[in-house]
Amino acid sequence: MNKIPLTVKGAEILRAELHQLKTIERPSVIAAIAEARSHGDLSENAEYDAAKERQAFIEGRIKDVDGKLSNAQIIDPKLLDADGRCVFGATLDLEDQDSGIKVTYQIVGEDEADIKAGKISVNSPIARALIGKFSGDIAQVQAPGGLREYEVLDVRYE
């Protein structure tokens, strides 16, 4: 299986979720199933069905998160020898050349991406256009609305 790139923070978030699922969610749903069983006839027991469905979801999520962590390639941009170049995990200040709007993005793994939080997937068109650029460079991005140009104002490794 391919390695999944993750930032250090992204890996911590997944580990915390896995811990939550295993130590709180799993025992809680097991208790709910036991409670529902005690109510008698399982064929007409909606609580039992709901608890079993929740258990299946939790077990699936545990398997998914566990798999991602076991295949994770955790990258700390501070430890890379990037010399001011845009790399995975870098935080970038950009200026849209057409509108003059300034934005800040961090290039992260697929599972960490959240555009509202300023985190863009390393596989997104904008991240692919920015990788390898230095402060002062212009990146051309083929967006759904046409070609966009961004000037890289600053590259940081946080």
C-alpha atoms as a PDB file:
ATOM      1  CA  MET A   1       0.000   0.000   0.000  1.00  0.00           C
ATOM      2  CA  ASN A   2       1.193   3.521  -0.739  1.00  0.00           C
ATOM      3  CA  LYS A   3       2.501   5.724   2.019  1.00  0.00           C
ATOM      4  CA  ILE A   4       0.072   8.433   3.135  1.00  0.00           C
ATOM      5  CA  PRO A   5       1.776  11.788   3.752  1.00  0.00           C
ATOM      6  CA  LEU A   6       0.765  13.415   7.043  1.00  0.00           C
ATOM      7  CA  THR A   7       1.990  16.406   8.957  1.00  0.00           C
ATOM      8  CA  VAL A   8       3.046  15.879  12.563  1.00  0.00           C
ATOM      9  CA  LYS A   9      -0.140  17.624  13.750  1.00  0.00           C
ATOM     10  CA  GLY A  10      -2.303  15.543  11.396  1.00  0.00           C
ATOM     11  CA  ALA A  11      -0.827  12.331  12.796  1.00  0.00           C
ATOM     12  CA  GLU A  12      -1.475  13.550  16.354  1.00  0.00           C
ATOM     13  CA  ILE A  13      -5.115  14.268  15.482  1.00  0.00           C
ATOM     14  CA  LEU A  14      -5.570  10.783  14.006  1.00  0.00           C
ATOM     15  CA  ARG A  15      -3.919   9.157  17.047  1.00  0.00           C
ATOM     16  CA  ALA A  16      -6.229  11.112  19.359  1.00  0.00           C
ATOM     17  CA  GLU A  17      -9.267  10.034  17.317  1.00  0.00           C
ATOM     18  CA  LEU A  18      -8.149   6.402  17.422  1.00  0.00           C
ATOM     19  CA  HIS A  19      -7.654   6.611  21.192  1.00  0.00           C
ATOM     20  CA  GLN A  20     -11.136   8.161  21.596  1.00  0.00           C
ATOM     21  CA  LEU A  21     -12.727   5.455  19.440  1.00  0.00           C
ATOM     22  CA  LYS A  22     -11.016   2.587  21.265  1.00  0.00           C
ATOM     23  CA  THR A  23     -11.293   3.815  24.856  1.00  0.00           C
ATOM     24  CA  ILE A  24     -14.608   5.687  24.899  1.00  0.00           C
ATOM     25  CA  GLU A  25     -16.757   4.969  21.845  1.00  0.00           C
ATOM     26  CA  ARG A  26     -16.183   1.210  21.616  1.00  0.00           C
ATOM     27  CA  PRO A  27     -16.941   0.471  25.323  1.00  0.00           C
ATOM     28  CA  SER A  28     -19.954   2.801  25.170  1.00  0.00           C
ATOM     29  CA  VAL A  29     -21.512   0.999  22.213  1.00  0.00           C
ATOM     30  CA  ILE A  30     -20.800  -2.400  23.788  1.00  0.00           C
ATOM     31  CA  ALA A  31     -22.690  -1.262  26.888  1.00  0.00           C
ATOM     32  CA  ALA A  32     -25.553  -0.003  24.691  1.00  0.00           C
ATOM     33  CA  ILE A  33     -25.776  -3.391  22.954  1.00  0.00           C
ATOM     34  CA  ALA A  34     -25.840  -5.200  26.306  1.00  0.00           C
ATOM     35  CA  GLU A  35     -28.581  -2.849  27.546  1.00  0.00           C
ATOM     36  CA  ALA A  36     -30.646  -3.373  24.399  1.00  0.00           C
ATOM     37  CA  ARG A  37     -30.244  -7.157  24.659  1.00  0.00           C
ATOM     38  CA  SER A  38     -31.614  -7.089  28.161  1.00  0.00           C
ATOM     39  CA  HIS A  39     -34.903  -5.710  26.801  1.00  0.00           C
ATOM     40  CA  GLY A  40     -35.797  -9.043  25.265  1.00  0.00           C
ATOM     41  CA  ASP A  41     -36.834  -9.901  21.685  1.00  0.00           C
ATOM     42  CA  LEU A  42     -34.029  -8.753  19.369  1.00  0.00           C
ATOM     43  CA  SER A  43     -36.086  -9.081  16.178  1.00  0.00           C
ATOM     44  CA  GLU A  44     -38.207  -6.034  17.065  1.00  0.00           C
ATOM     45  CA  ASN A  45     -35.656  -4.128  19.112  1.00  0.00           C
ATOM     46  CA  ALA A  46     -34.809  -0.783  17.460  1.00  0.00           C
ATOM     47  CA  GLU A  47     -32.300   0.111  20.188  1.00  0.00           C
ATOM     48  CA  TYR A  48     -30.376  -3.082  19.491  1.00  0.00           C
ATOM     49  CA  ASP A  49     -30.373  -2.449  15.733  1.00  0.00           C
ATOM     50  CA  ALA A  50     -29.170   1.139  16.240  1.00  0.00           C
ATOM     51  CA  ALA A  51     -26.425   0.052  18.641  1.00  0.00           C
ATOM     52  CA  LYS A  52     -25.223  -2.675  16.254  1.00  0.00           C
ATOM     53  CA  GLU A  53     -25.191  -0.161  13.401  1.00  0.00           C
ATOM     54  CA  ARG A  54     -23.183   2.284  15.534  1.00  0.00           C
ATOM     55  CA  GLN A  55     -20.791  -0.514  16.472  1.00  0.00           C
ATOM     56  CA  ALA A  56     -20.209  -1.333  12.798  1.00  0.00           C
ATOM     57  CA  PHE A  57     -19.498   2.329  12.072  1.00  0.00           C
ATOM     58  CA  ILE A  58     -17.035   2.621  14.992  1.00  0.00           C
ATOM     59  CA  GLU A  59     -15.203  -0.592  14.093  1.00  0.00           C
ATOM     60  CA  GLY A  60     -14.962   0.541  10.460  1.00  0.00           C
ATOM     61  CA  ARG A  61     -13.575   3.919  11.490  1.00  0.00           C
ATOM     62  CA  ILE A  62     -11.053   2.266  13.848  1.00  0.00           C
ATOM     63  CA  LYS A  63      -9.871   0.069  10.989  1.00  0.00           C
ATOM     64  CA  ASP A  64      -9.669   3.070   8.629  1.00  0.00           C
ATOM     65  CA  VAL A  65      -7.723   5.313  11.041  1.00  0.00           C
ATOM     66  CA  ASP A  66      -5.454   2.437  12.112  1.00  0.00           C
ATOM     67  CA  GLY A  67      -4.676   1.707   8.456  1.00  0.00           C
ATOM     68  CA  LYS A  68      -3.891   5.344   7.722  1.00  0.00           C
ATOM     69  CA  LEU A  69      -1.560   5.584  10.700  1.00  0.00           C
ATOM     70  CA  SER A  70       0.230   2.347   9.863  1.00  0.00           C
ATOM     71  CA  ASN A  71       0.813   3.569   6.298  1.00  0.00           C
ATOM     72  CA  ALA A  72       1.588   7.158   7.285  1.00  0.00           C
ATOM     73  CA  GLN A  73       4.721   8.932   6.242  1.00  0.00           C
ATOM     74  CA  ILE A  74       4.925  11.657   8.875  1.00  0.00           C
ATOM     75  CA  ILE A  75       6.712  14.697   7.511  1.00  0.00           C
ATOM     76  CA  ASP A  76       7.920  17.598   9.624  1.00  0.00           C
ATOM     77  CA  PRO A  77       8.752  20.490   7.261  1.00  0.00           C
ATOM     78  CA  LYS A  78      11.051  22.025   9.903  1.00  0.00           C
ATOM     79  CA  LEU A  79      13.360  19.029   9.518  1.00  0.00           C
ATOM     80  CA  LEU A  80      13.498  19.160   5.712  1.00  0.00           C
ATOM     81  CA  ASP A  81      16.353  20.921   3.965  1.00  0.00           C
ATOM     82  CA  ALA A  82      14.008  23.050   1.839  1.00  0.00           C
ATOM     83  CA  ASP A  83      15.941  26.364   1.845  1.00  0.00           C
ATOM     84  CA  GLY A  84      12.809  28.498   1.470  1.00  0.00           C
ATOM     85  CA  ARG A  85      11.230  26.246  -1.146  1.00  0.00           C
ATOM     86  CA  CYS A  86       7.574  25.263  -0.959  1.00  0.00           C
ATOM     87  CA  VAL A  87       7.345  21.648   0.233  1.00  0.00           C
ATOM     88  CA  PHE A  88       4.794  19.400   1.909  1.00  0.00           C
ATOM     89  CA  GLY A  89       3.786  20.868   5.263  1.00  0.00           C
ATOM     90  CA  ALA A  90       4.908  24.404   4.401  1.00  0.00           C
ATOM     91  CA  THR A  91       2.661  27.361   5.169  1.00  0.00           C
ATOM     92  CA  LEU A  92       2.448  29.874   2.342  1.00  0.00           C
ATOM     93  CA  ASP A  93       1.283  33.449   2.092  1.00  0.00           C
ATOM     94  CA  LEU A  94      -0.039  34.061  -1.411  1.00  0.00           C
ATOM     95  CA  GLU A  95      -1.459  36.990  -3.342  1.00  0.00           C
ATOM     96  CA  ASP A  96      -3.929  36.487  -6.176  1.00  0.00           C
ATOM     97  CA  GLN A  97      -2.468  38.504  -9.066  1.00  0.00           C
ATOM     98  CA  ASP A  98      -5.897  39.401 -10.496  1.00  0.00           C
ATOM     99  CA  SER A  99      -7.809  40.399  -7.363  1.00  0.00           C
ATOM    100  CA  GLY A 100      -4.957  41.302  -5.010  1.00  0.00           C
ATOM    101  CA  ILE A 101      -6.535  39.121  -2.301  1.00  0.00           C
ATOM    102  CA  LYS A 102      -4.003  37.630   0.097  1.00  0.00           C
ATOM    103  CA  VAL A 103      -4.482  34.123   1.463  1.00  0.00           C
ATOM    104  CA  THR A 104      -2.520  31.742   3.663  1.00  0.00           C
ATOM    105  CA  TYR A 105      -2.458  28.005   2.977  1.00  0.00           C
ATOM    106  CA  GLN A 106      -0.661  25.050   4.467  1.00  0.00           C
ATOM    107  CA  ILE A 107      -0.001  22.085   2.182  1.00  0.00           C
ATOM    108  CA  VAL A 108      -1.131  18.942   3.993  1.00  0.00           C
ATOM    109  CA  GLY A 109      -2.141  15.333   3.344  1.00  0.00           C
ATOM    110  CA  GLU A 110      -5.437  14.344   1.775  1.00  0.00           C
ATOM    111  CA  ASP A 111      -7.058  13.480   5.131  1.00  0.00           C
ATOM    112  CA  GLU A 112      -6.030  16.760   6.761  1.00  0.00           C
ATOM    113  CA  ALA A 113      -7.281  19.083   4.015  1.00  0.00           C
ATOM    114  CA  ASP A 114      -9.781  21.709   5.153  1.00  0.00           C
ATOM    115  CA  ILE A 115     -10.029  24.777   2.947  1.00  0.00           C
ATOM    116  CA  LYS A 116     -11.886  26.748   5.642  1.00  0.00           C
ATOM    117  CA  ALA A 117      -8.923  26.204   7.976  1.00  0.00           C
ATOM    118  CA  GLY A 118      -6.448  27.144   5.223  1.00  0.00           C
ATOM    119  CA  LYS A 119      -5.213  23.585   4.701  1.00  0.00           C
ATOM    120  CA  ILE A 120      -5.013  22.384   1.104  1.00  0.00           C
ATOM    121  CA  SER A 121      -4.370  18.847  -0.076  1.00  0.00           C
ATOM    122  CA  VAL A 122      -0.966  18.120  -1.555  1.00  0.00           C
ATOM    123  CA  ASN A 123      -2.898  16.571  -4.470  1.00  0.00           C
ATOM    124  CA  SER A 124      -4.911  19.725  -5.246  1.00  0.00           C
ATOM    125  CA  PRO A 125      -4.099  21.694  -8.409  1.00  0.00           C
ATOM    126  CA  ILE A 126      -2.991  24.739  -6.433  1.00  0.00           C
ATOM    127  CA  ALA A 127      -0.643  22.730  -4.193  1.00  0.00           C
ATOM    128  CA  ARG A 128       0.861  20.944  -7.193  1.00  0.00           C
ATOM    129  CA  ALA A 129       1.506  24.332  -8.829  1.00  0.00           C
ATOM    130  CA  LEU A 130       3.101  25.711  -5.638  1.00  0.00           C
ATOM    131  CA  ILE A 131       5.434  22.815  -4.782  1.00  0.00           C
ATOM    132  CA  GLY A 132       9.017  23.820  -5.509  1.00  0.00           C
ATOM    133  CA  LYS A 133       8.311  27.572  -5.669  1.00  0.00           C
ATOM    134  CA  PHE A 134      10.217  30.158  -3.638  1.00  0.00           C
ATOM    135  CA  SER A 135       9.136  33.461  -2.124  1.00  0.00           C
ATOM    136  CA  GLY A 136       8.660  35.947  -4.988  1.00  0.00           C
ATOM    137  CA  ASP A 137       7.785  33.259  -7.567  1.00  0.00           C
ATOM    138  CA  ILE A 138       4.527  33.275  -9.531  1.00  0.00           C
ATOM    139  CA  ALA A 139       2.519  30.039  -9.651  1.00  0.00           C
ATOM    140  CA  GLN A 140       0.015  29.459 -12.433  1.00  0.00           C
ATOM    141  CA  VAL A 141      -2.948  27.341 -11.397  1.00  0.00           C
ATOM    142  CA  GLN A 142      -5.503  25.866 -13.764  1.00  0.00           C
ATOM    143  CA  ALA A 143      -8.700  26.457 -11.765  1.00  0.00           C
ATOM    144  CA  PRO A 144     -12.264  25.591 -12.815  1.00  0.00           C
ATOM    145  CA  GLY A 145     -12.806  29.292 -13.592  1.00  0.00           C
ATOM    146  CA  GLY A 146      -9.688  29.504 -15.763  1.00  0.00           C
ATOM    147  CA  LEU A 147      -5.997  30.203 -15.285  1.00  0.00           C
ATOM    148  CA  ARG A 148      -5.116  31.963 -12.001  1.00  0.00           C
ATOM    149  CA  GLU A 149      -1.787  33.359 -10.952  1.00  0.00           C
ATOM    150  CA  TYR A 150      -0.560  33.571  -7.371  1.00  0.00           C
ATOM    151  CA  GLU A 151       2.575  35.279  -6.133  1.00  0.00           C
ATOM    152  CA  VAL A 152       4.295  33.472  -3.288  1.00  0.00           C
ATOM    153  CA  LEU A 153       4.850  36.164  -0.632  1.00  0.00           C
ATOM    154  CA  ASP A 154       6.313  33.977   2.102  1.00  0.00           C
ATOM    155  CA  VAL A 155       7.143  30.324   2.814  1.00  0.00           C
ATOM    156  CA  ARG A 156       7.225  29.170   6.435  1.00  0.00           C
ATOM    157  CA  TYR A 157       7.829  25.817   8.106  1.00  0.00           C
ATOM    158  CA  GLU A 158       5.732  25.729  11.276  1.00  0.00           C
END
